[in-house]
Amino acid sequence: MANAKETPRQKMISLLYLVLTCLLALNVSKEVLHGFVHINESIETTNSNFTNTTQKIMEAFKEAIRQGRYEFAPYYQKAQKTDVLTQRAYGYLDSLKKSDQLYRR
């Protein structure tokens, strides 16, 4: 086909197919990107919900210890350590997301 001479009409049809293919590829990319945005929003909502729940649990631990229920103290200490590690991991992932290190490939 590459050696065959095309009529101007065939050249135009080939060019239109190429343009159509490019437009379809751009449309797919837009939809894929929209999917990633939707997933990111869902993850941020989930993180917010877990943060609120964790804060409520930590407050319940503090209140129980204030009321003299010291059997919760070891669990509260473990929860504090877990909270620190979680915040550190979340901060690291958030810094990667905000930087352009992920996009330098």
Protein backbone atom coordinates (compact mmCIF):
# COMPACT_ATOMS: atom_id res chain seq x y z
CA MET A 1 0.00 0.00 0.00
CA ALA A 2 2.84 2.36 0.74
CA ASN A 3 4.10 2.09 -2.83
CA ALA A 4 0.70 2.52 -4.46
CA LYS A 5 -0.26 5.98 -5.60
CA GLU A 6 -3.37 7.24 -3.88
CA THR A 7 -5.88 9.54 -5.44
CA PRO A 8 -6.53 12.85 -3.68
CA ARG A 9 -9.84 11.41 -2.48
CA GLN A 10 -8.09 8.39 -0.91
CA LYS A 11 -5.51 10.67 0.72
CA MET A 12 -8.31 12.77 2.20
CA ILE A 13 -10.13 9.67 3.50
CA SER A 14 -6.91 8.35 5.06
CA LEU A 15 -6.26 11.71 6.70
CA LEU A 16 -9.82 11.83 8.06
CA TYR A 17 -9.42 8.33 9.53
CA LEU A 18 -6.17 9.46 11.17
CA VAL A 19 -7.85 12.55 12.63
CA LEU A 20 -10.81 10.48 13.84
CA THR A 21 -8.45 7.99 15.50
CA CYS A 22 -6.62 10.83 17.24
CA LEU A 23 -9.87 12.37 18.45
CA LEU A 24 -11.02 9.02 19.81
CA ALA A 25 -7.69 8.54 21.57
CA LEU A 26 -7.99 11.97 23.17
CA ASN A 27 -11.52 11.18 24.30
CA VAL A 28 -10.41 7.92 25.91
CA SER A 29 -7.57 9.71 27.69
CA LYS A 30 -10.00 12.30 29.02
CA GLU A 31 -12.29 9.59 30.38
CA VAL A 32 -9.39 7.72 31.96
CA LEU A 33 -8.15 10.91 33.62
CA HIS A 34 -11.67 11.63 34.85
CA GLY A 35 -11.68 8.15 36.41
CA PHE A 36 -8.45 8.90 38.26
CA VAL A 37 -9.89 12.18 39.54
CA HIS A 38 -12.98 10.33 40.77
CA ILE A 39 -10.84 7.71 42.53
CA ASN A 40 -8.72 10.43 44.15
CA GLU A 41 -11.83 12.22 45.44
CA SER A 42 -13.16 8.95 46.86
CA ILE A 43 -9.86 8.25 48.62
CA GLU A 44 -9.80 11.76 50.09
CA THR A 45 -13.37 11.34 51.37
CA THR A 46 -12.47 7.99 52.91
CA ASN A 47 -9.38 9.50 54.55
CA SER A 48 -11.48 12.30 55.99
CA ASN A 49 -14.02 9.84 57.38
CA PHE A 50 -11.30 7.68 58.96
CA THR A 51 -9.63 10.76 60.45
CA ASN A 52 -12.89 11.83 62.08
CA THR A 53 -13.54 8.33 63.40
CA THR A 54 -9.99 8.05 64.74
CA GLN A 55 -10.32 11.38 66.54
CA LYS A 56 -13.55 10.23 68.18
CA ILE A 57 -11.93 6.97 69.31
CA MET A 58 -8.93 8.82 70.74
CA GLU A 59 -11.24 11.18 72.63
CA ALA A 60 -13.15 8.19 73.99
CA PHE A 61 -9.86 6.68 75.21
CA LYS A 62 -8.90 9.97 76.91
CA GLU A 63 -12.30 10.28 78.54
CA ALA A 64 -12.22 6.70 79.81
CA ILE A 65 -8.77 7.24 81.33
CA ARG A 66 -9.92 10.53 82.90
CA GLN A 67 -12.78 8.65 84.52
CA GLY A 68 -10.32 6.26 86.15
CA ARG A 69 -10.70 3.32 83.81
CA TYR A 70 -6.97 2.65 83.56
CA GLU A 71 -7.38 -0.71 81.83
CA PHE A 72 -7.65 1.33 78.60
CA ALA A 73 -4.24 2.99 79.08
CA PRO A 74 -2.15 0.35 77.22
CA TYR A 75 -4.57 0.44 74.28
CA TYR A 76 -4.47 4.23 74.25
CA GLN A 77 -0.67 4.20 74.13
CA LYS A 78 -0.69 1.75 71.23
CA ALA A 79 -3.31 3.86 69.46
CA GLN A 80 -1.12 6.96 69.89
CA LYS A 81 1.89 5.16 68.37
CA THR A 82 -0.25 3.93 65.51
CA ASP A 83 -1.61 7.43 64.94
CA VAL A 84 1.92 8.87 64.73
CA LEU A 85 3.03 6.21 62.24
CA THR A 86 -0.11 6.67 60.18
CA GLN A 87 0.32 10.45 60.05
CA ARG A 88 3.94 10.01 58.99
CA ALA A 89 2.98 7.61 56.17
CA TYR A 90 0.08 9.81 55.08
CA GLY A 91 2.33 12.89 55.05
CA TYR A 92 4.90 11.08 52.92
CA LEU A 93 2.30 9.94 50.39
CA ASP A 94 0.73 13.39 50.31
CA SER A 95 4.13 15.00 49.65
CA LEU A 96 4.68 12.60 46.75
CA LYS A 97 1.27 13.41 45.36
CA LYS A 98 1.90 17.15 45.55
CA SER A 99 5.39 16.97 44.10
CA ASP A 100 6.18 16.11 40.53
CA GLN A 101 8.36 13.10 41.40
CA LEU A 102 5.69 10.70 40.26
CA TYR A 103 5.51 12.29 36.83
CA ARG A 104 9.23 12.34 35.96
CA ARG A 105 9.32 9.07 34.04
